[in-house]
PDB file of N, CA and C in Angstrom:
ATOM      1  N   MET A   1      -2.263  -8.388   2.844  1.00  0.00           N
ATOM      2  CA  MET A   1      -1.198  -8.391   1.935  1.00  0.00           C
ATOM      3  C   MET A   1      -0.043  -9.383   2.270  1.00  0.00           C
ATOM      4  N   THR A   2       0.388  -9.097   3.712  1.00  0.00           N
ATOM      5  CA  THR A   2       1.804  -9.501   3.700  1.00  0.00           C
ATOM      6  C   THR A   2       2.046 -11.146   3.364  1.00  0.00           C
ATOM      7  N   ASP A   3       0.721 -11.797   3.850  1.00  0.00           N
ATOM      8  CA  ASP A   3       1.105 -13.456   3.676  1.00  0.00           C
ATOM      9  C   ASP A   3       1.270 -13.533   1.740  1.00  0.00           C
ATOM     10  N   GLU A   4       0.169 -12.554   1.201  1.00  0.00           N
ATOM     11  CA  GLU A   4      -0.098 -12.988  -0.180  1.00  0.00           C
ATOM     12  C   GLU A   4       1.705 -12.225  -1.020  1.00  0.00           C
ATOM     13  N   ILE A   5       2.031 -11.398  -0.406  1.00  0.00           N
ATOM     14  CA  ILE A   5       3.363 -11.000  -0.968  1.00  0.00           C
ATOM     15  C   ILE A   5       4.579 -11.869  -0.768  1.00  0.00           C
ATOM     16  N   MET A   6       4.593 -12.394   0.667  1.00  0.00           N
ATOM     17  CA  MET A   6       5.443 -13.496   1.328  1.00  0.00           C
ATOM     18  C   MET A   6       5.357 -14.807   0.096  1.00  0.00           C
ATOM     19  N   SER A   7       3.977 -15.299  -0.493  1.00  0.00           N
ATOM     20  CA  SER A   7       3.730 -16.286  -1.154  1.00  0.00           C
ATOM     21  C   SER A   7       4.665 -15.950  -2.576  1.00  0.00           C
ATOM     22  N   HIS A   8       4.724 -14.903  -3.133  1.00  0.00           N
ATOM     23  CA  HIS A   8       5.521 -14.773  -4.169  1.00  0.00           C
ATOM     24  C   HIS A   8       6.770 -14.473  -4.312  1.00  0.00           C
ATOM     25  N   ILE A   9       7.411 -14.451  -2.626  1.00  0.00           N
ATOM     26  CA  ILE A   9       8.779 -14.390  -2.751  1.00  0.00           C
ATOM     27  C   ILE A   9       9.401 -15.967  -2.255  1.00  0.00           C
ATOM     28  N   PRO A  10      10.531 -16.208  -3.006  1.00  0.00           N
ATOM     29  CA  PRO A  10      10.965 -17.517  -2.793  1.00  0.00           C
ATOM     30  C   PRO A  10      11.708 -17.915  -1.616  1.00  0.00           C
ATOM     31  N   GLY A  11      12.362 -16.931  -0.974  1.00  0.00           N
ATOM     32  CA  GLY A  11      13.226 -16.909  -0.058  1.00  0.00           C
ATOM     33  C   GLY A  11      13.546 -15.245   0.259  1.00  0.00           C
ATOM     34  N   LEU A  12      14.066 -15.109   1.535  1.00  0.00           N
ATOM     35  CA  LEU A  12      14.794 -14.171   2.175  1.00  0.00           C
ATOM     36  C   LEU A  12      16.047 -14.607   2.891  1.00  0.00           C
ATOM     37  N   PRO A  13      16.822 -13.634   2.420  1.00  0.00           N
ATOM     38  CA  PRO A  13      18.220 -13.568   2.814  1.00  0.00           C
ATOM     39  C   PRO A  13      18.375 -13.470   4.488  1.00  0.00           C
ATOM     40  N   LYS A  14      19.535 -13.997   5.161  1.00  0.00           N
ATOM     41  CA  LYS A  14      19.192 -13.917   6.914  1.00  0.00           C
ATOM     42  C   LYS A  14      19.163 -12.867   7.322  1.00  0.00           C
ATOM     43  N   VAL A  15      19.829 -11.820   6.561  1.00  0.00           N
ATOM     44  CA  VAL A  15      19.721  -9.850   6.659  1.00  0.00           C
ATOM     45  C   VAL A  15      19.947  -9.242   5.781  1.00  0.00           C
ATOM     46  N   GLY A  16      18.950  -8.352   5.756  1.00  0.00           N
ATOM     47  CA  GLY A  16      18.824  -7.576   4.310  1.00  0.00           C
ATOM     48  C   GLY A  16      17.319  -6.536   4.470  1.00  0.00           C
ATOM     49  N   LEU A  17      17.053  -6.172   3.513  1.00  0.00           N
ATOM     50  CA  LEU A  17      16.076  -5.281   3.227  1.00  0.00           C
ATOM     51  C   LEU A  17      14.690  -5.896   2.261  1.00  0.00           C
ATOM     52  N   LEU A  18      13.832  -5.828   2.326  1.00  0.00           N
ATOM     53  CA  LEU A  18      12.704  -6.107   1.509  1.00  0.00           C
ATOM     54  C   LEU A  18      11.968  -4.696   0.735  1.00  0.00           C
ATOM     55  N   ASN A  19      11.930  -4.399  -0.317  1.00  0.00           N
ATOM     56  CA  ASN A  19      11.486  -3.152  -1.156  1.00  0.00           C
ATOM     57  C   ASN A  19      10.543  -3.307  -1.726  1.00  0.00           C
ATOM     58  N   LEU A  20       9.147  -3.055  -1.208  1.00  0.00           N
ATOM     59  CA  LEU A  20       8.201  -3.414  -2.255  1.00  0.00           C
ATOM     60  C   LEU A  20       7.413  -1.594  -2.776  1.00  0.00           C
ATOM     61  N   PHE A  21       7.543  -2.247  -4.012  1.00  0.00           N
ATOM     62  CA  PHE A  21       6.842  -0.655  -4.609  1.00  0.00           C
ATOM     63  C   PHE A  21       5.926  -1.269  -6.004  1.00  0.00           C
ATOM     64  N   ILE A  22       4.699   0.101  -5.742  1.00  0.00           N
ATOM     65  CA  ILE A  22       3.708  -0.118  -6.467  1.00  0.00           C
ATOM     66  C   ILE A  22       3.716   0.570  -7.464  1.00  0.00           C
ATOM     67  N   LYS A  23       3.236  -0.400  -9.010  1.00  0.00           N
ATOM     68  CA  LYS A  23       3.554   0.402 -10.061  1.00  0.00           C
ATOM     69  C   LYS A  23       2.065   1.107 -10.767  1.00  0.00           C
ATOM     70  N   HIS A  24       1.531   2.082  -9.866  1.00  0.00           N
ATOM     71  CA  HIS A  24       0.433   2.327  -9.931  1.00  0.00           C
ATOM     72  C   HIS A  24       0.239   3.846  -9.544  1.00  0.00           C
ATOM     73  N   THR A  25      -0.580   4.970 -10.091  1.00  0.00           N
ATOM     74  CA  THR A  25      -0.523   6.068  -9.458  1.00  0.00           C
ATOM     75  C   THR A  25      -1.688   6.311  -8.798  1.00  0.00           C
ATOM     76  N   SER A  26      -2.759   5.175  -8.393  1.00  0.00           N
ATOM     77  CA  SER A  26      -4.157   5.391  -7.796  1.00  0.00           C
ATOM     78  C   SER A  26      -4.220   4.657  -6.532  1.00  0.00           C
ATOM     79  N   ALA A  27      -3.164   3.762  -6.087  1.00  0.00           N
ATOM     80  CA  ALA A  27      -2.576   2.461  -5.192  1.00  0.00           C
ATOM     81  C   ALA A  27      -1.240   2.964  -4.585  1.00  0.00           C
ATOM     82  N   ALA A  28      -1.414   2.845  -2.875  1.00  0.00           N
ATOM     83  CA  ALA A  28      -0.129   2.710  -2.227  1.00  0.00           C
ATOM     84  C   ALA A  28       0.206   1.702  -1.649  1.00  0.00           C
ATOM     85  N   LEU A  29       0.970   1.693  -1.094  1.00  0.00           N
ATOM     86  CA  LEU A  29       1.689   0.666  -0.316  1.00  0.00           C
ATOM     87  C   LEU A  29       1.877   1.535   1.338  1.00  0.00           C
ATOM     88  N   SER A  30       1.407   0.235   2.521  1.00  0.00           N
ATOM     89  CA  SER A  30       1.815   1.007   3.910  1.00  0.00           C
ATOM     90  C   SER A  30       1.839   0.247   4.638  1.00  0.00           C
ATOM     91  N   ILE A  31       2.331   0.223   5.879  1.00  0.00           N
ATOM     92  CA  ILE A  31       2.307  -0.865   7.143  1.00  0.00           C
ATOM     93  C   ILE A  31       1.417  -0.209   8.191  1.00  0.00           C
ATOM     94  N   ASN A  32       0.743  -0.934   8.858  1.00  0.00           N
ATOM     95  CA  ASN A  32      -0.323  -0.274   9.812  1.00  0.00           C
ATOM     96  C   ASN A  32      -0.837  -1.495  10.366  1.00  0.00           C
ATOM     97  N   GLU A  33      -1.845  -1.628  11.443  1.00  0.00           N
ATOM     98  CA  GLU A  33      -2.380  -2.572  12.148  1.00  0.00           C
ATOM     99  C   GLU A  33      -2.943  -3.631  11.632  1.00  0.00           C
ATOM    100  N   ASN A  34      -2.516  -4.909  11.457  1.00  0.00           N
ATOM    101  CA  ASN A  34      -3.115  -5.841  10.972  1.00  0.00           C
ATOM    102  C   ASN A  34      -4.287  -6.987  11.610  1.00  0.00           C
ATOM    103  N   ALA A  35      -4.067  -6.307  12.844  1.00  0.00           N
ATOM    104  CA  ALA A  35      -5.064  -7.824  14.061  1.00  0.00           C
ATOM    105  C   ALA A  35      -6.383  -7.186  13.865  1.00  0.00           C
ATOM    106  N   ASP A  36      -6.539  -6.076  13.869  1.00  0.00           N
ATOM    107  CA  ASP A  36      -8.316  -5.705  13.613  1.00  0.00           C
ATOM    108  C   ASP A  36      -8.655  -4.857  12.624  1.00  0.00           C
ATOM    109  N   PRO A  37      -9.561  -5.616  11.770  1.00  0.00           N
ATOM    110  CA  PRO A  37     -10.426  -5.350  10.551  1.00  0.00           C
ATOM    111  C   PRO A  37     -10.771  -3.807  10.356  1.00  0.00           C
ATOM    112  N   ASP A  38     -10.744  -3.660  11.825  1.00  0.00           N
ATOM    113  CA  ASP A  38     -11.768  -2.255  11.631  1.00  0.00           C
ATOM    114  C   ASP A  38     -10.833  -1.153  11.427  1.00  0.00           C
ATOM    115  N   VAL A  39      -9.230  -1.265  11.514  1.00  0.00           N
ATOM    116  CA  VAL A  39      -8.357  -0.283  11.052  1.00  0.00           C
ATOM    117  C   VAL A  39      -8.734   0.061   9.510  1.00  0.00           C
ATOM    118  N   ARG A  40      -8.447  -1.126   9.150  1.00  0.00           N
ATOM    119  CA  ARG A  40      -8.835  -1.101   7.397  1.00  0.00           C
ATOM    120  C   ARG A  40     -10.368  -0.038   6.926  1.00  0.00           C
ATOM    121  N   VAL A  41     -11.409  -0.164   7.464  1.00  0.00           N
ATOM    122  CA  VAL A  41     -12.501   0.667   7.614  1.00  0.00           C
ATOM    123  C   VAL A  41     -12.560   2.124   7.898  1.00  0.00           C
ATOM    124  N   ASP A  42     -11.596   2.338   9.153  1.00  0.00           N
ATOM    125  CA  ASP A  42     -11.409   3.816   9.682  1.00  0.00           C
ATOM    126  C   ASP A  42     -10.295   4.612   8.695  1.00  0.00           C
ATOM    127  N   MET A  43      -9.179   3.451   8.362  1.00  0.00           N
ATOM    128  CA  MET A  43      -8.182   4.650   7.572  1.00  0.00           C
ATOM    129  C   MET A  43      -9.267   4.598   5.899  1.00  0.00           C
ATOM    130  N   LYS A  44     -10.035   3.566   5.532  1.00  0.00           N
ATOM    131  CA  LYS A  44     -10.704   4.369   4.487  1.00  0.00           C
ATOM    132  C   LYS A  44     -11.778   6.019   4.724  1.00  0.00           C
ATOM    133  N   SER A  45     -12.318   5.479   5.954  1.00  0.00           N
ATOM    134  CA  SER A  45     -12.979   6.961   6.513  1.00  0.00           C
ATOM    135  C   SER A  45     -12.336   7.892   6.552  1.00  0.00           C
ATOM    136  N   ILE A  46     -11.175   7.901   6.929  1.00  0.00           N
ATOM    137  CA  ILE A  46     -10.462   8.773   7.426  1.00  0.00           C
ATOM    138  C   ILE A  46     -10.010   9.485   5.995  1.00  0.00           C
ATOM    139  N   PHE A  47      -9.068   8.707   4.921  1.00  0.00           N
ATOM    140  CA  PHE A  47      -8.816   9.407   3.455  1.00  0.00           C
ATOM    141  C   PHE A  47     -10.073   9.752   2.854  1.00  0.00           C
ATOM    142  N   ASP A  48     -11.032   9.156   3.114  1.00  0.00           N
ATOM    143  CA  ASP A  48     -12.628   9.766   2.663  1.00  0.00           C
ATOM    144  C   ASP A  48     -12.557  11.124   2.946  1.00  0.00           C
ATOM    145  N   ARG A  49     -12.561  11.536   3.804  1.00  0.00           N
ATOM    146  CA  ARG A  49     -13.141  13.078   4.691  1.00  0.00           C
ATOM    147  C   ARG A  49     -11.764  13.532   4.082  1.00  0.00           C
ATOM    148  N   LEU A  50     -10.508  13.464   4.307  1.00  0.00           N
ATOM    149  CA  LEU A  50      -9.323  14.418   3.888  1.00  0.00           C
ATOM    150  C   LEU A  50      -9.760  14.536   2.500  1.00  0.00           C
ATOM    151  N   VAL A  51      -9.548  13.937   1.364  1.00  0.00           N
ATOM    152  CA  VAL A  51      -9.626  14.078   0.037  1.00  0.00           C
ATOM    153  C   VAL A  51     -10.861  13.658  -0.568  1.00  0.00           C
ATOM    154  N   ARG A  52     -11.964  14.213  -0.841  1.00  0.00           N
ATOM    155  CA  ARG A  52     -13.142  14.036  -1.253  1.00  0.00           C
ATOM    156  C   ARG A  52     -13.302  13.862  -2.821  1.00  0.00           C
ATOM    157  N   GLU A  53     -14.412  13.145  -3.473  1.00  0.00           N
ATOM    158  CA  GLU A  53     -14.775  12.670  -4.797  1.00  0.00           C
ATOM    159  C   GLU A  53     -15.452  14.302  -5.160  1.00  0.00           C
ATOM    160  N   ARG A  54     -15.490  14.775  -6.269  1.00  0.00           N
ATOM    161  CA  ARG A  54     -16.162  15.947  -6.894  1.00  0.00           C
ATOM    162  C   ARG A  54     -15.910  16.988  -6.549  1.00  0.00           C
ATOM    163  N   GLU A  55     -14.666  17.436  -5.874  1.00  0.00           N
ATOM    164  CA  GLU A  55     -14.612  18.745  -5.581  1.00  0.00           C
ATOM    165  C   GLU A  55     -14.940  19.707  -6.465  1.00  0.00           C
ATOM    166  N   LEU A  56     -15.097  20.682  -6.654  1.00  0.00           N
ATOM    167  CA  LEU A  56     -15.427  21.726  -7.767  1.00  0.00           C
ATOM    168  C   LEU A  56     -13.863  22.083  -8.527  1.00  0.00           C
ATOM    169  N   PHE A  57     -13.115  22.335  -7.463  1.00  0.00           N
ATOM    170  CA  PHE A  57     -11.543  22.704  -7.817  1.00  0.00           C
ATOM    171  C   PHE A  57     -10.539  21.807  -8.817  1.00  0.00           C
ATOM    172  N   TYR A  58     -11.143  20.658  -9.125  1.00  0.00           N
ATOM    173  CA  TYR A  58     -10.743  19.134  -9.371  1.00  0.00           C
ATOM    174  C   TYR A  58     -10.724  19.511 -11.102  1.00  0.00           C
ATOM    175  N   ILE A  59      -9.757  19.827 -11.736  1.00  0.00           N
ATOM    176  CA  ILE A  59      -9.461  19.816 -13.271  1.00  0.00           C
ATOM    177  C   ILE A  59      -9.141  18.118 -13.879  1.00  0.00           C
ATOM    178  N   HIS A  60      -8.276  17.292 -13.194  1.00  0.00           N
ATOM    179  CA  HIS A  60      -8.520  15.915 -13.571  1.00  0.00           C
ATOM    180  C   HIS A  60      -9.522  15.237 -13.376  1.00  0.00           C
ATOM    181  N   THR A  61     -10.904  15.099 -14.300  1.00  0.00           N
ATOM    182  CA  THR A  61     -11.662  14.592 -14.071  1.00  0.00           C
ATOM    183  C   THR A  61     -12.282  13.579 -14.493  1.00  0.00           C
ATOM    184  N   MET A  62     -11.542  13.304 -16.187  1.00  0.00           N
ATOM    185  CA  MET A  62     -12.248  12.574 -17.409  1.00  0.00           C
ATOM    186  C   MET A  62     -12.160  10.774 -17.039  1.00  0.00           C
ATOM    187  N   GLU A  63     -11.734  10.740 -16.025  1.00  0.00           N
ATOM    188  CA  GLU A  63     -11.595   8.991 -15.258  1.00  0.00           C
ATOM    189  C   GLU A  63     -12.052   8.872 -14.568  1.00  0.00           C
ATOM    190  N   GLY A  64     -13.210   9.611 -14.430  1.00  0.00           N
ATOM    191  CA  GLY A  64     -14.212   9.355 -13.127  1.00  0.00           C
ATOM    192  C   GLY A  64     -14.260  10.237 -11.609  1.00  0.00           C
ATOM    193  N   ASP A  65     -15.065  10.384 -10.966  1.00  0.00           N
ATOM    194  CA  ASP A  65     -15.006  10.897 -10.133  1.00  0.00           C
ATOM    195  C   ASP A  65     -14.037  10.657  -8.639  1.00  0.00           C
ATOM    196  N   ASP A  66     -13.505   8.826  -8.797  1.00  0.00           N
ATOM    197  CA  ASP A  66     -12.962   8.653  -8.005  1.00  0.00           C
ATOM    198  C   ASP A  66     -11.333   8.695  -8.025  1.00  0.00           C
ATOM    199  N   ASP A  67     -11.175   9.225  -8.961  1.00  0.00           N
ATOM    200  CA  ASP A  67      -9.556   9.129 -10.005  1.00  0.00           C
ATOM    201  C   ASP A  67      -8.450  10.147  -8.987  1.00  0.00           C
ATOM    202  N   MET A  68      -9.070  11.539  -9.888  1.00  0.00           N
ATOM    203  CA  MET A  68      -8.057  12.365  -8.970  1.00  0.00           C
ATOM    204  C   MET A  68      -8.312  12.352  -7.538  1.00  0.00           C
ATOM    205  N   PRO A  69      -9.319  11.780  -6.435  1.00  0.00           N
ATOM    206  CA  PRO A  69      -8.699  11.881  -5.165  1.00  0.00           C
ATOM    207  C   PRO A  69      -7.756  10.819  -4.741  1.00  0.00           C
ATOM    208  N   ALA A  70      -8.098   9.584  -5.795  1.00  0.00           N
ATOM    209  CA  ALA A  70      -7.048   8.200  -5.820  1.00  0.00           C
ATOM    210  C   ALA A  70      -5.579   8.859  -5.779  1.00  0.00           C
ATOM    211  N   HIS A  71      -5.408  10.023  -6.950  1.00  0.00           N
ATOM    212  CA  HIS A  71      -3.861  10.011  -7.096  1.00  0.00           C
ATOM    213  C   HIS A  71      -3.309  10.992  -5.487  1.00  0.00           C
ATOM    214  N   ALA A  72      -4.259  11.798  -5.036  1.00  0.00           N
ATOM    215  CA  ALA A  72      -3.737  12.489  -4.116  1.00  0.00           C
ATOM    216  C   ALA A  72      -3.736  11.619  -2.770  1.00  0.00           C
ATOM    217  N   LYS A  73      -4.693  10.677  -2.709  1.00  0.00           N
ATOM    218  CA  LYS A  73      -4.437   9.824  -1.503  1.00  0.00           C
ATOM    219  C   LYS A  73      -3.286   8.905  -1.632  1.00  0.00           C
ATOM    220  N   THR A  74      -2.958   8.458  -2.739  1.00  0.00           N
ATOM    221  CA  THR A  74      -1.778   7.727  -3.189  1.00  0.00           C
ATOM    222  C   THR A  74      -0.567   8.573  -2.700  1.00  0.00           C
ATOM    223  N   SER A  75      -0.067   9.835  -3.080  1.00  0.00           N
ATOM    224  CA  SER A  75       0.480  10.855  -3.034  1.00  0.00           C
ATOM    225  C   SER A  75       0.783  10.829  -1.455  1.00  0.00           C
ATOM    226  N   ILE A  76      -0.182  11.005  -0.625  1.00  0.00           N
ATOM    227  CA  ILE A  76       0.037  11.111   0.550  1.00  0.00           C
ATOM    228  C   ILE A  76       0.762   9.846   1.630  1.00  0.00           C
ATOM    229  N   ILE A  77       0.302   8.550   1.119  1.00  0.00           N
ATOM    230  CA  ILE A  77       1.000   7.404   1.674  1.00  0.00           C
ATOM    231  C   ILE A  77       2.166   6.538   0.633  1.00  0.00           C
ATOM    232  N   GLY A  78       2.167   6.712  -0.350  1.00  0.00           N
ATOM    233  CA  GLY A  78       3.347   6.642  -0.950  1.00  0.00           C
ATOM    234  C   GLY A  78       3.252   5.342  -1.887  1.00  0.00           C
ATOM    235  N   PRO A  79       4.108   5.043  -2.712  1.00  0.00           N
ATOM    236  CA  PRO A  79       4.302   3.785  -3.740  1.00  0.00           C
ATOM    237  C   PRO A  79       5.194   2.799  -3.280  1.00  0.00           C
ATOM    238  N   SER A  80       5.961   3.210  -2.152  1.00  0.00           N
ATOM    239  CA  SER A  80       7.235   1.844  -1.368  1.00  0.00           C
ATOM    240  C   SER A  80       6.937   2.107  -0.044  1.00  0.00           C
ATOM    241  N   ILE A  81       7.632   0.444   0.319  1.00  0.00           N
ATOM    242  CA  ILE A  81       7.660   0.595   1.769  1.00  0.00           C
ATOM    243  C   ILE A  81       9.121  -0.319   1.419  1.00  0.00           C
ATOM    244  N   THR A  82       9.939   0.085   2.563  1.00  0.00           N
ATOM    245  CA  THR A  82      10.638  -1.209   2.820  1.00  0.00           C
ATOM    246  C   THR A  82      10.849  -1.531   4.594  1.00  0.00           C
ATOM    247  N   ILE A  83      11.195  -3.032   4.625  1.00  0.00           N
ATOM    248  CA  ILE A  83      11.111  -3.785   5.466  1.00  0.00           C
ATOM    249  C   ILE A  83      12.425  -4.296   5.978  1.00  0.00           C
ATOM    250  N   PRO A  84      12.942  -4.186   6.911  1.00  0.00           N
ATOM    251  CA  PRO A  84      14.168  -5.006   7.712  1.00  0.00           C
ATOM    252  C   PRO A  84      14.027  -6.240   7.577  1.00  0.00           C
ATOM    253  N   ILE A  85      14.845  -7.130   7.260  1.00  0.00           N
ATOM    254  CA  ILE A  85      15.318  -8.688   7.269  1.00  0.00           C
ATOM    255  C   ILE A  85      16.041  -8.762   8.240  1.00  0.00           C
ATOM    256  N   THR A  86      15.476  -9.666   9.110  1.00  0.00           N
ATOM    257  CA  THR A  86      16.367 -10.570  10.472  1.00  0.00           C
ATOM    258  C   THR A  86      15.759 -11.687  10.626  1.00  0.00           C
ATOM    259  N   ASN A  87      16.832 -12.219  10.826  1.00  0.00           N
ATOM    260  CA  ASN A  87      17.058 -14.212  10.735  1.00  0.00           C
ATOM    261  C   ASN A  87      16.106 -14.654   9.921  1.00  0.00           C
ATOM    262  N   GLY A  88      16.389 -14.038   8.718  1.00  0.00           N
ATOM    263  CA  GLY A  88      15.401 -14.730   7.187  1.00  0.00           C
ATOM    264  C   GLY A  88      14.053 -14.848   7.488  1.00  0.00           C
ATOM    265  N   ARG A  89      13.747 -13.503   8.038  1.00  0.00           N
ATOM    266  CA  ARG A  89      12.206 -12.899   8.005  1.00  0.00           C
ATOM    267  C   ARG A  89      11.946 -11.813   8.308  1.00  0.00           C
ATOM    268  N   LEU A  90      10.964 -11.372   8.112  1.00  0.00           N
ATOM    269  CA  LEU A  90      10.164 -10.120   7.879  1.00  0.00           C
ATOM    270  C   LEU A  90      10.364  -9.184   9.418  1.00  0.00           C
ATOM    271  N   ASN A  91      11.324  -8.377   9.630  1.00  0.00           N
ATOM    272  CA  ASN A  91      11.287  -8.239  10.936  1.00  0.00           C
ATOM    273  C   ASN A  91       9.958  -6.444  11.412  1.00  0.00           C
ATOM    274  N   LEU A  92       8.501  -7.133  10.990  1.00  0.00           N
ATOM    275  CA  LEU A  92       7.498  -6.465  11.451  1.00  0.00           C
ATOM    276  C   LEU A  92       7.364  -6.498  13.164  1.00  0.00           C
ATOM    277  N   GLY A  93       6.304  -5.215  13.285  1.00  0.00           N
ATOM    278  CA  GLY A  93       5.958  -5.481  15.001  1.00  0.00           C
ATOM    279  C   GLY A  93       4.918  -6.525  14.908  1.00  0.00           C
ATOM    280  N   THR A  94       4.417  -6.744  16.449  1.00  0.00           N
ATOM    281  CA  THR A  94       3.794  -7.889  16.497  1.00  0.00           C
ATOM    282  C   THR A  94       2.046  -7.655  15.448  1.00  0.00           C
ATOM    283  N   TRP A  95       1.838  -6.532  15.657  1.00  0.00           N
ATOM    284  CA  TRP A  95       0.799  -6.214  15.064  1.00  0.00           C
ATOM    285  C   TRP A  95       0.363  -5.315  13.849  1.00  0.00           C
ATOM    286  N   GLN A  96       2.217  -5.328  13.168  1.00  0.00           N
ATOM    287  CA  GLN A  96       2.275  -4.858  11.602  1.00  0.00           C
ATOM    288  C   GLN A  96       1.862  -5.745  10.688  1.00  0.00           C
ATOM    289  N   GLY A  97       1.426  -5.308   9.749  1.00  0.00           N
ATOM    290  CA  GLY A  97       0.986  -5.766   8.444  1.00  0.00           C
ATOM    291  C   GLY A  97       1.267  -5.313   7.189  1.00  0.00           C
ATOM    292  N   ILE A  98       1.418  -5.720   5.902  1.00  0.00           N
ATOM    293  CA  ILE A  98       1.258  -4.620   4.780  1.00  0.00           C
ATOM    294  C   ILE A  98      -0.094  -4.370   4.190  1.00  0.00           C
ATOM    295  N   TYR A  99      -0.082  -3.196   4.117  1.00  0.00           N
ATOM    296  CA  TYR A  99      -1.535  -2.896   3.266  1.00  0.00           C
ATOM    297  C   TYR A  99      -1.296  -2.324   1.627  1.00  0.00           C
ATOM    298  N   LEU A 100      -2.171  -2.853   0.886  1.00  0.00           N
ATOM    299  CA  LEU A 100      -1.974  -2.556  -0.453  1.00  0.00           C
ATOM    300  C   LEU A 100      -3.400  -1.469  -0.181  1.00  0.00           C
ATOM    301  N   CYS A 101      -3.560   0.020  -0.226  1.00  0.00           N
ATOM    302  CA  CYS A 101      -4.428   0.826   0.165  1.00  0.00           C
ATOM    303  C   CYS A 101      -4.675   1.001  -1.663  1.00  0.00           C
ATOM    304  N   GLU A 102      -5.790   0.445  -1.714  1.00  0.00           N
ATOM    305  CA  GLU A 102      -6.828   0.627  -3.190  1.00  0.00           C
ATOM    306  C   GLU A 102      -7.501   1.543  -3.328  1.00  0.00           C
ATOM    307  N   PHE A 103      -6.994   3.238  -4.013  1.00  0.00           N
ATOM    308  CA  PHE A 103      -7.700   4.096  -4.061  1.00  0.00           C
ATOM    309  C   PHE A 103      -8.876   4.505  -4.902  1.00  0.00           C
ATOM    310  N   ARG A 104      -8.731   3.702  -5.903  1.00  0.00           N
ATOM    311  CA  ARG A 104      -9.838   3.313  -6.535  1.00  0.00           C
ATOM    312  C   ARG A 104     -11.083   2.670  -6.274  1.00  0.00           C
ATOM    313  N   ASN A 105     -12.534   3.093  -7.151  1.00  0.00           N
ATOM    314  CA  ASN A 105     -13.683   2.540  -6.890  1.00  0.00           C
ATOM    315  C   ASN A 105     -13.826   0.808  -7.056  1.00  0.00           C
ATOM    316  N   TYR A 106     -13.095   0.919  -8.721  1.00  0.00           N
ATOM    317  CA  TYR A 106     -12.632  -0.543  -8.880  1.00  0.00           C
ATOM    318  C   TYR A 106     -11.347  -0.484  -9.699  1.00  0.00           C
ATOM    319  N   GLY A 107     -10.617  -0.683  -8.583  1.00  0.00           N
ATOM    320  CA  GLY A 107      -8.937  -0.393  -9.187  1.00  0.00           C
ATOM    321  C   GLY A 107      -8.241  -1.914 -10.355  1.00  0.00           C
ATOM    322  N   GLY A 108      -9.053  -2.771 -10.581  1.00  0.00           N
ATOM    323  CA  GLY A 108      -8.365  -3.449 -11.253  1.00  0.00           C
ATOM    324  C   GLY A 108      -6.818  -4.252 -10.904  1.00  0.00           C
ATOM    325  N   ALA A 109      -6.442  -5.237 -11.825  1.00  0.00           N
ATOM    326  CA  ALA A 109      -5.032  -5.750 -11.113  1.00  0.00           C
ATOM    327  C   ALA A 109      -4.166  -4.485 -10.822  1.00  0.00           C
ATOM    328  N   ARG A 110      -3.101  -5.011  -9.784  1.00  0.00           N
ATOM    329  CA  ARG A 110      -2.262  -4.117  -9.471  1.00  0.00           C
ATOM    330  C   ARG A 110      -0.926  -5.504  -9.291  1.00  0.00           C
ATOM    331  N   LYS A 111       0.057  -4.316  -9.933  1.00  0.00           N
ATOM    332  CA  LYS A 111       1.518  -5.212  -9.676  1.00  0.00           C
ATOM    333  C   LYS A 111       2.382  -4.344  -8.663  1.00  0.00           C
ATOM    334  N   ILE A 112       3.072  -5.162  -7.861  1.00  0.00           N
ATOM    335  CA  ILE A 112       4.298  -4.802  -7.168  1.00  0.00           C
ATOM    336  C   ILE A 112       5.480  -5.275  -7.419  1.00  0.00           C
ATOM    337  N   VAL A 113       6.483  -4.462  -7.291  1.00  0.00           N
ATOM    338  CA  VAL A 113       8.116  -4.813  -7.678  1.00  0.00           C
ATOM    339  C   VAL A 113       8.397  -5.538  -6.358  1.00  0.00           C
ATOM    340  N   ALA A 114       9.483  -6.173  -6.230  1.00  0.00           N
ATOM    341  CA  ALA A 114       9.543  -6.669  -4.277  1.00  0.00           C
ATOM    342  C   ALA A 114      11.447  -6.692  -4.825  1.00  0.00           C
ATOM    343  N   THR A 115      12.097  -5.851  -4.575  1.00  0.00           N
ATOM    344  CA  THR A 115      13.374  -5.954  -4.441  1.00  0.00           C
ATOM    345  C   THR A 115      14.072  -6.292  -2.917  1.00  0.00           C
ATOM    346  N   ILE A 116      14.999  -6.872  -3.358  1.00  0.00           N
ATOM    347  CA  ILE A 116      15.477  -8.009  -2.010  1.00  0.00           C
ATOM    348  C   ILE A 116      17.111  -7.655  -2.276  1.00  0.00           C
ATOM    349  N   THR A 117      17.228  -7.334  -1.084  1.00  0.00           N
ATOM    350  CA  THR A 117      18.980  -7.052  -0.864  1.00  0.00           C
ATOM    351  C   THR A 117      19.507  -7.629   0.630  1.00  0.00           C
ATOM    352  N   GLY A 118      20.743  -7.769   0.599  1.00  0.00           N
ATOM    353  CA  GLY A 118      21.162  -8.936   2.122  1.00  0.00           C
ATOM    354  C   GLY A 118      21.934  -9.690   1.597  1.00  0.00           C
ATOM    355  N   GLU A 119      22.263 -10.607   2.519  1.00  0.00           N
ATOM    356  CA  GLU A 119      23.176 -11.544   2.536  1.00  0.00           C
ATOM    357  C   GLU A 119      22.368 -13.137   3.556  1.00  0.00           C
TER     358      GLU A 119
END
């Protein structure tokens, strides 16, 4: 997601902060290792084991088996991230990248708001 996000941002200040906020309750934003695609597979497996579909205690079930687990996973990860900007670039670690964590089986289009502060 890092390159896609940056393709929609006209430019960054020399020093500042980039805040990204996803406007959905069943998807989240995170920063994680971006070098090995196996990390994404493992993260999905971890979350699918932590928060399972079709639990008998779920009350909110009218939007499908994946909906309530998606809300719970989103609450664990969160809707926003803030990244420092240094020398006009995102100050991410060598292996870090921005993740859009889609927790629905078929989530559809997602909207992210970017707020940039700085000089």
